[in-house]
Amino acid sequence: MISISIAKTLIFFIGFILSSCTIVNTAHVMIGEKRSPIDISEVKLYTTPPPKYIEIAILNVDSGHDFRTAQGLMNTSIERLKLDAASMGANGVILKNVGDKTSGAYGVISSPIVPGAPAIVSMSSHNYKTVSGTAIYVAQ
């Protein structure tokens, strides 16, 4: 049998670990030829297309977390977008959509630690920052 203090400690650490994880979802569609990977620092973001470029892929990234700031999530999304582009040899990304997304609500029912205490029901939704763009190669 687990003592109450050990159970409380386990619940604390499980909650701490879960709350420190940022959820990052990525997807891409290849529309051109993949090139040799480059360093992420070489990837430039564009809001309008440069004069001449070659399209490589369409990229989508979502970053979500209950306890991070909107700016922190946006930074994570942009860095992952650039990382994915660099892995395909793209030295640029034309940003298409930058915005917010909310996932559906969920419930968690946990057993009470103290006998006779009521169960806990928690309802929440995850907020995501989403970024999409076209990975491109611009001849230097």
C-alpha atoms as a PDB file:
ATOM      1  CA  MET A   1       0.000   0.000   0.000  1.00  0.00           C
ATOM      2  CA  ILE A   2       1.307   3.452  -0.935  1.00  0.00           C
ATOM      3  CA  SER A   3       1.374   6.036   1.811  1.00  0.00           C
ATOM      4  CA  ILE A   4      -0.530   9.282   1.318  1.00  0.00           C
ATOM      5  CA  SER A   5       2.678  11.385   1.235  1.00  0.00           C
ATOM      6  CA  ILE A   6       4.197   9.189  -1.502  1.00  0.00           C
ATOM      7  CA  ALA A   7       0.943   9.359  -3.492  1.00  0.00           C
ATOM      8  CA  LYS A   8       0.857  13.163  -3.213  1.00  0.00           C
ATOM      9  CA  THR A   9       4.497  13.369  -4.300  1.00  0.00           C
ATOM     10  CA  LEU A  10       3.836  11.135  -7.327  1.00  0.00           C
ATOM     11  CA  ILE A  11       0.812  13.191  -8.355  1.00  0.00           C
ATOM     12  CA  PHE A  12       2.836  16.407  -8.007  1.00  0.00           C
ATOM     13  CA  PHE A  13       5.657  15.106 -10.224  1.00  0.00           C
ATOM     14  CA  ILE A  14       3.276  13.693 -12.832  1.00  0.00           C
ATOM     15  CA  GLY A  15       1.482  17.066 -12.969  1.00  0.00           C
ATOM     16  CA  PHE A  16       4.796  18.916 -13.179  1.00  0.00           C
ATOM     17  CA  ILE A  17       6.049  16.740 -16.032  1.00  0.00           C
ATOM     18  CA  LEU A  18       2.795  17.046 -17.984  1.00  0.00           C
ATOM     19  CA  SER A  19       2.609  20.803 -17.513  1.00  0.00           C
ATOM     20  CA  SER A  20       6.149  21.332 -18.791  1.00  0.00           C
ATOM     21  CA  CYS A  21       5.584  19.666 -22.192  1.00  0.00           C
ATOM     22  CA  THR A  22       4.817  21.751 -25.254  1.00  0.00           C
ATOM     23  CA  ILE A  23       2.780  19.881 -27.849  1.00  0.00           C
ATOM     24  CA  VAL A  24       4.155  20.418 -31.359  1.00  0.00           C
ATOM     25  CA  ASN A  25       2.408  18.969 -34.428  1.00  0.00           C
ATOM     26  CA  THR A  26       4.015  19.224 -37.849  1.00  0.00           C
ATOM     27  CA  ALA A  27       3.026  18.182 -41.349  1.00  0.00           C
ATOM     28  CA  HIS A  28       4.358  18.822 -44.820  1.00  0.00           C
ATOM     29  CA  VAL A  29       3.533  18.123 -48.448  1.00  0.00           C
ATOM     30  CA  MET A  30       6.427  17.885 -50.882  1.00  0.00           C
ATOM     31  CA  ILE A  31       5.722  19.947 -54.007  1.00  0.00           C
ATOM     32  CA  GLY A  32       9.271  20.127 -55.309  1.00  0.00           C
ATOM     33  CA  GLU A  33      12.617  18.418 -55.013  1.00  0.00           C
ATOM     34  CA  LYS A  34      14.181  18.024 -51.581  1.00  0.00           C
ATOM     35  CA  ARG A  35      17.685  19.477 -51.278  1.00  0.00           C
ATOM     36  CA  SER A  36      20.568  18.774 -48.890  1.00  0.00           C
ATOM     37  CA  PRO A  37      19.816  19.909 -45.310  1.00  0.00           C
ATOM     38  CA  ILE A  38      21.167  23.284 -44.182  1.00  0.00           C
ATOM     39  CA  ASP A  39      21.620  25.050 -40.846  1.00  0.00           C
ATOM     40  CA  ILE A  40      18.444  26.558 -39.395  1.00  0.00           C
ATOM     41  CA  SER A  41      20.185  29.953 -39.100  1.00  0.00           C
ATOM     42  CA  GLU A  42      20.244  30.157 -42.921  1.00  0.00           C
ATOM     43  CA  VAL A  43      16.426  30.046 -43.213  1.00  0.00           C
ATOM     44  CA  LYS A  44      14.820  33.430 -43.845  1.00  0.00           C
ATOM     45  CA  LEU A  45      11.119  34.220 -43.374  1.00  0.00           C
ATOM     46  CA  TYR A  46       9.227  36.112 -46.074  1.00  0.00           C
ATOM     47  CA  THR A  47       5.812  37.765 -45.924  1.00  0.00           C
ATOM     48  CA  THR A  48       5.900  38.372 -49.686  1.00  0.00           C
ATOM     49  CA  PRO A  49       7.646  36.119 -52.190  1.00  0.00           C
ATOM     50  CA  PRO A  50      11.140  37.051 -53.358  1.00  0.00           C
ATOM     51  CA  PRO A  51      11.594  37.703 -57.116  1.00  0.00           C
ATOM     52  CA  LYS A  52      12.919  34.211 -57.989  1.00  0.00           C
ATOM     53  CA  TYR A  53      12.596  31.022 -55.972  1.00  0.00           C
ATOM     54  CA  ILE A  54      11.928  27.304 -56.215  1.00  0.00           C
ATOM     55  CA  GLU A  55       9.097  25.763 -54.149  1.00  0.00           C
ATOM     56  CA  ILE A  56      10.040  22.711 -52.085  1.00  0.00           C
ATOM     57  CA  ALA A  57       7.176  21.943 -49.679  1.00  0.00           C
ATOM     58  CA  ILE A  58       4.065  23.228 -47.945  1.00  0.00           C
ATOM     59  CA  LEU A  59       4.629  23.262 -44.164  1.00  0.00           C
ATOM     60  CA  ASN A  60       2.190  23.369 -41.232  1.00  0.00           C
ATOM     61  CA  VAL A  61       3.125  23.637 -37.542  1.00  0.00           C
ATOM     62  CA  ASP A  62       0.950  23.846 -34.416  1.00  0.00           C
ATOM     63  CA  SER A  63       2.361  24.461 -30.915  1.00  0.00           C
ATOM     64  CA  GLY A  64       0.199  24.204 -27.819  1.00  0.00           C
ATOM     65  CA  HIS A  65       0.523  24.311 -24.054  1.00  0.00           C
ATOM     66  CA  ASP A  66      -1.760  25.291 -21.215  1.00  0.00           C
ATOM     67  CA  PHE A  67       0.807  27.331 -19.271  1.00  0.00           C
ATOM     68  CA  ARG A  68       2.945  29.086 -21.911  1.00  0.00           C
ATOM     69  CA  THR A  69       2.444  32.580 -23.262  1.00  0.00           C
ATOM     70  CA  ALA A  70       1.061  33.190 -26.727  1.00  0.00           C
ATOM     71  CA  GLN A  71       4.426  34.649 -27.757  1.00  0.00           C
ATOM     72  CA  GLY A  72       6.292  31.627 -26.419  1.00  0.00           C
ATOM     73  CA  LEU A  73       4.055  29.318 -28.453  1.00  0.00           C
ATOM     74  CA  MET A  74       4.486  31.466 -31.564  1.00  0.00           C
ATOM     75  CA  ASN A  75       8.279  31.394 -31.145  1.00  0.00           C
ATOM     76  CA  THR A  76       8.163  27.597 -30.850  1.00  0.00           C
ATOM     77  CA  SER A  77       6.015  27.315 -33.996  1.00  0.00           C
ATOM     78  CA  ILE A  78       8.291  29.584 -36.034  1.00  0.00           C
ATOM     79  CA  GLU A  79      11.462  27.783 -34.882  1.00  0.00           C
ATOM     80  CA  ARG A  80       9.951  24.405 -35.792  1.00  0.00           C
ATOM     81  CA  LEU A  81       8.828  25.749 -39.182  1.00  0.00           C
ATOM     82  CA  LYS A  82      12.383  26.921 -39.869  1.00  0.00           C
ATOM     83  CA  LEU A  83      13.829  23.605 -38.625  1.00  0.00           C
ATOM     84  CA  ASP A  84      11.560  21.620 -40.962  1.00  0.00           C
ATOM     85  CA  ALA A  85      12.446  23.908 -43.885  1.00  0.00           C
ATOM     86  CA  ALA A  86      16.185  23.582 -43.164  1.00  0.00           C
ATOM     87  CA  SER A  87      15.909  19.780 -43.053  1.00  0.00           C
ATOM     88  CA  MET A  88      14.573  19.927 -46.641  1.00  0.00           C
ATOM     89  CA  GLY A  89      17.312  22.288 -47.821  1.00  0.00           C
ATOM     90  CA  ALA A  90      14.979  25.289 -48.041  1.00  0.00           C
ATOM     91  CA  ASN A  91      16.662  28.607 -47.218  1.00  0.00           C
ATOM     92  CA  GLY A  92      13.377  30.473 -47.017  1.00  0.00           C
ATOM     93  CA  VAL A  93       9.730  30.170 -45.987  1.00  0.00           C
ATOM     94  CA  ILE A  94       6.945  32.311 -47.393  1.00  0.00           C
ATOM     95  CA  LEU A  95       4.507  32.678 -44.481  1.00  0.00           C
ATOM     96  CA  LYS A  96       0.901  31.984 -45.477  1.00  0.00           C
ATOM     97  CA  ASN A  97      -1.138  31.742 -42.283  1.00  0.00           C
ATOM     98  CA  VAL A  98      -0.290  32.688 -38.717  1.00  0.00           C
ATOM     99  CA  GLY A  99      -3.004  32.308 -36.132  1.00  0.00           C
ATOM    100  CA  ASP A 100      -4.718  30.533 -33.280  1.00  0.00           C
ATOM    101  CA  LYS A 101      -6.441  27.173 -32.968  1.00  0.00           C
ATOM    102  CA  THR A 102      -8.301  25.645 -30.025  1.00  0.00           C
ATOM    103  CA  SER A 103      -8.770  21.932 -29.510  1.00  0.00           C
ATOM    104  CA  GLY A 104     -11.894  20.423 -27.999  1.00  0.00           C
ATOM    105  CA  ALA A 105     -12.473  20.267 -24.277  1.00  0.00           C
ATOM    106  CA  TYR A 106     -11.570  17.206 -22.256  1.00  0.00           C
ATOM    107  CA  GLY A 107     -12.309  15.959 -18.772  1.00  0.00           C
ATOM    108  CA  VAL A 108     -10.120  14.221 -16.219  1.00  0.00           C
ATOM    109  CA  ILE A 109     -11.559  12.369 -13.278  1.00  0.00           C
ATOM    110  CA  SER A 110      -9.040  11.512 -10.602  1.00  0.00           C
ATOM    111  CA  SER A 111      -9.545   9.288  -7.597  1.00  0.00           C
ATOM    112  CA  PRO A 112      -9.397  11.094  -4.293  1.00  0.00           C
ATOM    113  CA  ILE A 113      -6.206  10.645  -2.277  1.00  0.00           C
ATOM    114  CA  VAL A 114      -7.959  11.152   1.014  1.00  0.00           C
ATOM    115  CA  PRO A 115     -10.701   8.573   1.693  1.00  0.00           C
ATOM    116  CA  GLY A 116     -14.146  10.180   1.631  1.00  0.00           C
ATOM    117  CA  ALA A 117     -13.008  13.228  -0.369  1.00  0.00           C
ATOM    118  CA  PRO A 118     -14.895  13.939  -3.600  1.00  0.00           C
ATOM    119  CA  ALA A 119     -13.413  13.071  -6.991  1.00  0.00           C
ATOM    120  CA  ILE A 120     -12.007  15.931  -9.055  1.00  0.00           C
ATOM    121  CA  VAL A 121     -13.340  16.742 -12.507  1.00  0.00           C
ATOM    122  CA  SER A 122     -11.306  19.109 -14.664  1.00  0.00           C
ATOM    123  CA  MET A 123     -12.463  20.541 -17.982  1.00  0.00           C
ATOM    124  CA  SER A 124     -10.076  22.357 -20.271  1.00  0.00           C
ATOM    125  CA  SER A 125      -9.139  23.049 -23.860  1.00  0.00           C
ATOM    126  CA  HIS A 126      -5.739  23.485 -25.458  1.00  0.00           C
ATOM    127  CA  ASN A 127      -4.833  26.684 -27.241  1.00  0.00           C
ATOM    128  CA  TYR A 128      -2.418  26.405 -30.145  1.00  0.00           C
ATOM    129  CA  LYS A 129      -0.462  28.815 -32.270  1.00  0.00           C
ATOM    130  CA  THR A 130      -0.485  27.661 -35.858  1.00  0.00           C
ATOM    131  CA  VAL A 131       1.853  28.666 -38.667  1.00  0.00           C
ATOM    132  CA  SER A 132       1.901  27.548 -42.290  1.00  0.00           C
ATOM    133  CA  GLY A 133       4.008  28.479 -45.230  1.00  0.00           C
ATOM    134  CA  THR A 134       5.807  27.374 -48.350  1.00  0.00           C
ATOM    135  CA  ALA A 135       9.392  26.197 -47.985  1.00  0.00           C
ATOM    136  CA  ILE A 136      11.455  27.656 -50.833  1.00  0.00           C
ATOM    137  CA  TYR A 137      14.988  27.791 -52.149  1.00  0.00           C
ATOM    138  CA  VAL A 138      16.276  31.224 -53.166  1.00  0.00           C
ATOM    139  CA  ALA A 139      19.494  31.251 -55.214  1.00  0.00           C
ATOM    140  CA  GLN A 140      22.046  33.527 -53.552  1.00  0.00           C
END
